[in-house]
Amino acid sequence: MPHHPNTPTATTPAYRWRCAPDGLATRRQLRAQGLRPGGQDPAAEIEWRSRKARRCGGKRVAYLYRVDLARPVRPMTPGRARALAAAILARRTCPACRRDAGYVIPRSLGCCWPCSTATA
């Protein structure tokens, strides 16, 4: 079962699904509130059984962070928006024909669908 590198498992409280106390939230829950962990280590973890995690003994883990120590999400600046748009465009651009494919190029193909069928 993978664990957070900065968290010793023996000292971190583990709660069952839906049994965590108030004041703790997962990353997704923090994000929905407009917050981020802000560098804090996980305060606890939630464990639950899942068929998806058969290789890990059937258990999955989600880390919980203290809401009172969470910081606001950094606002999207124009520079960050441009960088994000450029990164998305790079993932959509076919390296063979240099055209925007309109979708993210699969890594398994390495190029857009028309180019991959033309070379096969």
N, C-alpha and C. Protein backbone atom coordinates (compact mmCIF):
# COMPACT_ATOMS: atom_id res chain seq x y z
N MET A 1 0.85 -1.17 0.00
CA MET A 1 0.00 0.00 0.00
C MET A 1 0.89 1.23 0.00
N PRO A 2 0.82 2.08 -1.02
CA PRO A 2 1.68 3.26 -1.07
C PRO A 2 1.27 4.29 -0.04
N HIS A 3 2.26 4.93 0.55
CA HIS A 3 1.98 5.95 1.55
C HIS A 3 2.73 7.22 1.22
N HIS A 4 2.27 8.31 1.77
CA HIS A 4 2.90 9.61 1.57
C HIS A 4 4.32 9.53 2.11
N PRO A 5 5.34 10.01 1.38
CA PRO A 5 6.73 9.85 1.81
C PRO A 5 7.06 10.56 3.12
N ASN A 6 6.35 11.63 3.46
CA ASN A 6 6.67 12.38 4.67
C ASN A 6 5.87 11.92 5.88
N THR A 7 5.03 10.92 5.71
CA THR A 7 4.15 10.52 6.79
C THR A 7 4.51 9.14 7.30
N PRO A 8 4.94 9.03 8.55
CA PRO A 8 5.13 7.70 9.11
C PRO A 8 3.76 7.07 9.38
N THR A 9 3.53 5.89 8.86
CA THR A 9 2.22 5.26 8.94
C THR A 9 1.82 4.95 10.37
N ALA A 10 2.76 4.59 11.22
CA ALA A 10 2.42 4.18 12.58
C ALA A 10 1.84 5.33 13.40
N THR A 11 2.23 6.56 13.12
CA THR A 11 1.76 7.69 13.92
C THR A 11 0.61 8.44 13.28
N THR A 12 0.24 8.10 12.07
CA THR A 12 -0.85 8.79 11.39
C THR A 12 -2.16 8.07 11.70
N PRO A 13 -3.16 8.78 12.25
CA PRO A 13 -4.43 8.11 12.51
C PRO A 13 -5.11 7.71 11.21
N ALA A 14 -5.70 6.53 11.21
CA ALA A 14 -6.42 6.03 10.05
C ALA A 14 -7.88 5.86 10.42
N TYR A 15 -8.75 6.40 9.58
CA TYR A 15 -10.19 6.32 9.81
C TYR A 15 -10.82 5.48 8.72
N ARG A 16 -11.98 4.90 9.05
CA ARG A 16 -12.73 4.16 8.06
C ARG A 16 -13.54 5.14 7.22
N TRP A 17 -14.09 4.64 6.13
CA TRP A 17 -14.87 5.45 5.20
C TRP A 17 -16.01 6.15 5.93
N ARG A 18 -16.11 7.46 5.75
CA ARG A 18 -17.15 8.33 6.33
C ARG A 18 -17.07 8.44 7.85
N CYS A 19 -15.94 8.12 8.45
CA CYS A 19 -15.80 8.21 9.91
C CYS A 19 -14.78 9.24 10.34
N ALA A 20 -14.27 10.04 9.44
CA ALA A 20 -13.27 11.05 9.79
C ALA A 20 -13.94 12.22 10.52
N PRO A 21 -13.24 12.83 11.48
CA PRO A 21 -13.83 13.96 12.20
C PRO A 21 -13.92 15.21 11.33
N ASP A 22 -14.74 16.15 11.77
CA ASP A 22 -14.85 17.43 11.08
C ASP A 22 -13.52 18.17 11.18
N GLY A 23 -13.25 19.01 10.22
CA GLY A 23 -12.01 19.78 10.22
C GLY A 23 -10.91 19.14 9.40
N LEU A 24 -11.17 17.94 8.86
CA LEU A 24 -10.22 17.26 7.97
C LEU A 24 -10.88 17.10 6.61
N ALA A 25 -10.08 17.22 5.56
CA ALA A 25 -10.61 17.11 4.20
C ALA A 25 -9.55 16.54 3.27
N THR A 26 -10.01 15.87 2.21
CA THR A 26 -9.10 15.38 1.18
C THR A 26 -8.70 16.53 0.28
N ARG A 27 -7.75 16.29 -0.61
CA ARG A 27 -7.33 17.33 -1.55
C ARG A 27 -8.50 17.81 -2.40
N ARG A 28 -9.31 16.89 -2.87
CA ARG A 28 -10.45 17.28 -3.71
C ARG A 28 -11.46 18.10 -2.93
N GLN A 29 -11.69 17.73 -1.68
CA GLN A 29 -12.62 18.50 -0.86
C GLN A 29 -12.07 19.90 -0.58
N LEU A 30 -10.76 19.99 -0.34
CA LEU A 30 -10.15 21.31 -0.15
C LEU A 30 -10.30 22.14 -1.42
N ARG A 31 -10.04 21.54 -2.56
CA ARG A 31 -10.12 22.26 -3.82
C ARG A 31 -11.53 22.77 -4.08
N ALA A 32 -12.53 21.97 -3.73
CA ALA A 32 -13.92 22.39 -3.91
C ALA A 32 -14.25 23.60 -3.04
N GLN A 33 -13.52 23.78 -1.94
CA GLN A 33 -13.71 24.93 -1.06
C GLN A 33 -12.81 26.09 -1.44
N GLY A 34 -12.01 25.92 -2.51
CA GLY A 34 -11.10 26.98 -2.94
C GLY A 34 -9.83 27.01 -2.12
N LEU A 35 -9.44 25.86 -1.55
CA LEU A 35 -8.26 25.78 -0.70
C LEU A 35 -7.28 24.76 -1.25
N ARG A 36 -6.05 24.77 -0.72
CA ARG A 36 -5.01 23.80 -1.05
C ARG A 36 -4.30 23.43 0.24
N PRO A 37 -3.61 22.28 0.31
CA PRO A 37 -2.94 21.89 1.55
C PRO A 37 -1.90 22.91 2.02
N GLY A 38 -1.23 23.58 1.13
CA GLY A 38 -0.29 24.62 1.52
C GLY A 38 0.97 24.11 2.19
N GLY A 39 1.45 22.94 1.81
CA GLY A 39 2.71 22.44 2.34
C GLY A 39 2.59 21.62 3.61
N GLN A 40 1.41 21.50 4.17
CA GLN A 40 1.27 20.71 5.40
C GLN A 40 1.29 19.22 5.08
N ASP A 41 1.80 18.44 6.01
CA ASP A 41 1.78 16.99 5.88
C ASP A 41 0.37 16.49 6.17
N PRO A 42 0.01 15.32 5.65
CA PRO A 42 -1.32 14.78 5.95
C PRO A 42 -1.49 14.58 7.46
N ALA A 43 -2.66 14.94 7.96
CA ALA A 43 -2.96 14.81 9.38
C ALA A 43 -3.52 13.43 9.70
N ALA A 44 -4.14 12.80 8.72
CA ALA A 44 -4.74 11.47 8.91
C ALA A 44 -4.96 10.86 7.53
N GLU A 45 -5.50 9.66 7.53
CA GLU A 45 -5.82 9.01 6.27
C GLU A 45 -7.11 8.22 6.42
N ILE A 46 -7.77 8.03 5.30
CA ILE A 46 -8.97 7.20 5.24
C ILE A 46 -8.60 5.94 4.49
N GLU A 47 -9.00 4.80 5.02
CA GLU A 47 -8.77 3.52 4.35
C GLU A 47 -10.11 2.89 4.02
N TRP A 48 -10.19 2.30 2.83
CA TRP A 48 -11.39 1.56 2.46
C TRP A 48 -11.01 0.45 1.52
N ARG A 49 -11.86 -0.56 1.46
CA ARG A 49 -11.61 -1.70 0.60
C ARG A 49 -12.17 -1.40 -0.79
N SER A 50 -11.42 -1.84 -1.80
CA SER A 50 -11.82 -1.57 -3.17
C SER A 50 -11.39 -2.72 -4.06
N ARG A 51 -12.25 -3.07 -5.00
CA ARG A 51 -11.88 -4.10 -5.96
C ARG A 51 -10.81 -3.61 -6.92
N LYS A 52 -10.71 -2.29 -7.09
CA LYS A 52 -9.71 -1.73 -8.00
C LYS A 52 -8.29 -1.91 -7.47
N ALA A 53 -8.14 -2.08 -6.16
CA ALA A 53 -6.81 -2.14 -5.54
C ALA A 53 -6.45 -3.56 -5.14
N ARG A 54 -6.76 -4.52 -5.95
CA ARG A 54 -6.46 -5.92 -5.61
C ARG A 54 -4.97 -6.17 -5.41
N ARG A 55 -4.15 -5.49 -6.20
CA ARG A 55 -2.70 -5.69 -6.09
C ARG A 55 -2.15 -5.19 -4.77
N CYS A 56 -2.85 -4.27 -4.12
CA CYS A 56 -2.39 -3.67 -2.86
C CYS A 56 -3.12 -4.26 -1.67
N GLY A 57 -3.61 -5.46 -1.77
CA GLY A 57 -4.33 -6.06 -0.67
C GLY A 57 -5.77 -5.63 -0.58
N GLY A 58 -6.28 -4.96 -1.60
CA GLY A 58 -7.67 -4.55 -1.62
C GLY A 58 -7.98 -3.28 -0.87
N LYS A 59 -6.97 -2.61 -0.33
CA LYS A 59 -7.20 -1.38 0.43
C LYS A 59 -6.74 -0.17 -0.36
N ARG A 60 -7.52 0.90 -0.24
CA ARG A 60 -7.13 2.18 -0.83
C ARG A 60 -7.02 3.21 0.27
N VAL A 61 -6.24 4.25 0.01
CA VAL A 61 -5.97 5.26 1.02
C VAL A 61 -6.17 6.65 0.42
N ALA A 62 -6.77 7.54 1.20
CA ALA A 62 -6.86 8.95 0.85
C ALA A 62 -6.33 9.74 2.03
N TYR A 63 -5.51 10.72 1.77
CA TYR A 63 -4.91 11.51 2.84
C TYR A 63 -5.80 12.68 3.19
N LEU A 64 -5.86 12.98 4.47
CA LEU A 64 -6.69 14.06 4.99
C LEU A 64 -5.80 15.18 5.50
N TYR A 65 -6.20 16.40 5.22
CA TYR A 65 -5.45 17.59 5.62
C TYR A 65 -6.34 18.46 6.50
N ARG A 66 -5.72 19.20 7.40
CA ARG A 66 -6.46 20.09 8.29
C ARG A 66 -6.96 21.30 7.50
N VAL A 67 -8.24 21.57 7.61
CA VAL A 67 -8.85 22.68 6.88
C VAL A 67 -8.37 24.02 7.44
N ASP A 68 -8.14 24.09 8.75
CA ASP A 68 -7.74 25.37 9.35
C ASP A 68 -6.33 25.78 8.95
N LEU A 69 -5.49 24.83 8.51
CA LEU A 69 -4.13 25.15 8.07
C LEU A 69 -4.03 25.31 6.55
N ALA A 70 -5.12 25.01 5.85
CA ALA A 70 -5.11 25.10 4.38
C ALA A 70 -5.04 26.55 3.94
N ARG A 71 -4.44 26.74 2.78
CA ARG A 71 -4.29 28.09 2.21
C ARG A 71 -5.19 28.24 0.99
N PRO A 72 -5.49 29.48 0.63
CA PRO A 72 -6.31 29.69 -0.58
C PRO A 72 -5.55 29.24 -1.84
N VAL A 73 -6.31 28.80 -2.83
CA VAL A 73 -5.74 28.42 -4.11
C VAL A 73 -5.17 29.66 -4.77
N ARG A 74 -4.00 29.51 -5.38
CA ARG A 74 -3.40 30.65 -6.07
C ARG A 74 -4.24 31.02 -7.28
N PRO A 75 -4.47 32.30 -7.51
CA PRO A 75 -5.30 32.70 -8.65
C PRO A 75 -4.58 32.44 -9.97
N MET A 76 -5.37 32.21 -11.00
CA MET A 76 -4.82 32.00 -12.34
C MET A 76 -4.41 33.35 -12.92
N THR A 77 -3.12 33.51 -13.16
CA THR A 77 -2.62 34.76 -13.74
C THR A 77 -2.63 34.62 -15.26
N PRO A 78 -2.55 35.72 -15.99
CA PRO A 78 -2.50 35.63 -17.46
C PRO A 78 -1.31 34.80 -17.95
N GLY A 79 -0.17 34.91 -17.28
CA GLY A 79 1.00 34.13 -17.69
C GLY A 79 0.80 32.64 -17.49
N ARG A 80 0.20 32.26 -16.35
CA ARG A 80 -0.08 30.85 -16.10
C ARG A 80 -1.12 30.32 -17.08
N ALA A 81 -2.10 31.15 -17.43
CA ALA A 81 -3.13 30.74 -18.39
C ALA A 81 -2.51 30.49 -19.77
N ARG A 82 -1.58 31.37 -20.18
CA ARG A 82 -0.90 31.17 -21.47
C ARG A 82 -0.06 29.90 -21.45
N ALA A 83 0.66 29.66 -20.35
CA ALA A 83 1.49 28.46 -20.25
C ALA A 83 0.63 27.19 -20.28
N LEU A 84 -0.50 27.22 -19.61
CA LEU A 84 -1.40 26.07 -19.61
C LEU A 84 -1.97 25.83 -21.01
N ALA A 85 -2.36 26.89 -21.69
CA ALA A 85 -2.88 26.75 -23.06
C ALA A 85 -1.82 26.20 -24.00
N ALA A 86 -0.57 26.64 -23.84
CA ALA A 86 0.52 26.13 -24.68
C ALA A 86 0.79 24.65 -24.41
N ALA A 87 0.71 24.24 -23.15
CA ALA A 87 0.93 22.84 -22.81
C ALA A 87 -0.17 21.96 -23.38
N ILE A 88 -1.41 22.42 -23.30
CA ILE A 88 -2.53 21.66 -23.86
C ILE A 88 -2.40 21.56 -25.37
N LEU A 89 -2.02 22.65 -26.02
CA LEU A 89 -1.83 22.63 -27.47
C LEU A 89 -0.71 21.67 -27.87
N ALA A 90 0.36 21.62 -27.08
CA ALA A 90 1.46 20.71 -27.38
C ALA A 90 1.02 19.26 -27.29
N ARG A 91 0.12 18.94 -26.37
CA ARG A 91 -0.37 17.57 -26.25
C ARG A 91 -1.31 17.20 -27.39
N ARG A 92 -1.93 18.20 -28.02
CA ARG A 92 -2.87 17.96 -29.11
C ARG A 92 -2.21 18.02 -30.48
N THR A 93 -0.97 18.51 -30.58
CA THR A 93 -0.30 18.68 -31.86
C THR A 93 0.43 17.39 -32.25
N CYS A 94 0.16 16.92 -33.44
CA CYS A 94 0.78 15.70 -33.95
C CYS A 94 2.24 15.98 -34.30
N PRO A 95 3.20 15.19 -33.83
CA PRO A 95 4.60 15.43 -34.16
C PRO A 95 4.93 15.09 -35.62
N ALA A 96 4.11 14.27 -36.26
CA ALA A 96 4.39 13.89 -37.65
C ALA A 96 3.90 14.94 -38.64
N CYS A 97 2.64 15.34 -38.53
CA CYS A 97 2.08 16.28 -39.51
C CYS A 97 1.99 17.71 -38.98
N ARG A 98 2.28 17.93 -37.72
CA ARG A 98 2.30 19.25 -37.08
C ARG A 98 0.94 19.95 -37.09
N ARG A 99 -0.16 19.18 -37.10
CA ARG A 99 -1.49 19.76 -37.06
C ARG A 99 -2.14 19.50 -35.71
N ASP A 100 -3.06 20.40 -35.34
CA ASP A 100 -3.84 20.21 -34.12
C ASP A 100 -4.85 19.11 -34.40
N ALA A 101 -4.74 18.00 -33.67
CA ALA A 101 -5.60 16.86 -33.92
C ALA A 101 -7.01 17.06 -33.39
N GLY A 102 -7.20 18.00 -32.48
CA GLY A 102 -8.52 18.21 -31.89
C GLY A 102 -8.76 17.34 -30.67
N TYR A 103 -7.78 16.52 -30.32
CA TYR A 103 -7.85 15.66 -29.14
C TYR A 103 -6.43 15.43 -28.66
N VAL A 104 -6.27 14.94 -27.45
CA VAL A 104 -4.94 14.65 -26.92
C VAL A 104 -4.39 13.42 -27.64
N ILE A 105 -3.19 13.54 -28.18
CA ILE A 105 -2.56 12.44 -28.92
C ILE A 105 -2.25 11.30 -27.95
N PRO A 106 -2.72 10.08 -28.23
CA PRO A 106 -2.40 8.96 -27.35
C PRO A 106 -0.91 8.64 -27.38
N ARG A 107 -0.34 8.39 -26.21
CA ARG A 107 1.08 8.06 -26.15
C ARG A 107 1.36 6.72 -26.80
N SER A 108 0.36 5.84 -26.82
CA SER A 108 0.55 4.53 -27.44
C SER A 108 0.74 4.65 -28.95
N LEU A 109 0.10 5.65 -29.58
CA LEU A 109 0.27 5.86 -31.01
C LEU A 109 1.44 6.77 -31.32
N GLY A 110 1.61 7.82 -30.53
CA GLY A 110 2.70 8.76 -30.76
C GLY A 110 2.41 9.81 -31.81
N CYS A 111 1.29 9.66 -32.52
CA CYS A 111 0.89 10.64 -33.53
C CYS A 111 -0.63 10.55 -33.68
N CYS A 112 -1.19 11.42 -34.51
CA CYS A 112 -2.65 11.42 -34.69
C CYS A 112 -3.09 10.15 -35.42
N TRP A 113 -4.39 9.89 -35.38
CA TRP A 113 -4.91 8.67 -35.98
C TRP A 113 -4.63 8.58 -37.49
N PRO A 114 -4.85 9.62 -38.29
CA PRO A 114 -4.54 9.50 -39.73
C PRO A 114 -3.06 9.19 -39.99
N CYS A 115 -2.15 9.81 -39.23
CA CYS A 115 -0.72 9.55 -39.43
C CYS A 115 -0.36 8.13 -39.00
N SER A 116 -0.98 7.64 -37.94
CA SER A 116 -0.64 6.29 -37.47
C SER A 116 -1.15 5.22 -38.42
N THR A 117 -2.31 5.46 -39.06
CA THR A 117 -2.81 4.47 -40.03
C THR A 117 -2.06 4.56 -41.35
N ALA A 118 -1.53 5.73 -41.69
CA ALA A 118 -0.77 5.89 -42.93
C ALA A 118 0.58 5.19 -42.83
N THR A 119 1.18 5.17 -41.64
CA THR A 119 2.50 4.53 -41.48
C THR A 119 2.39 3.04 -41.24
N ALA A 120 1.21 2.55 -40.88
CA ALA A 120 1.05 1.12 -40.58
C ALA A 120 0.88 0.28 -41.80
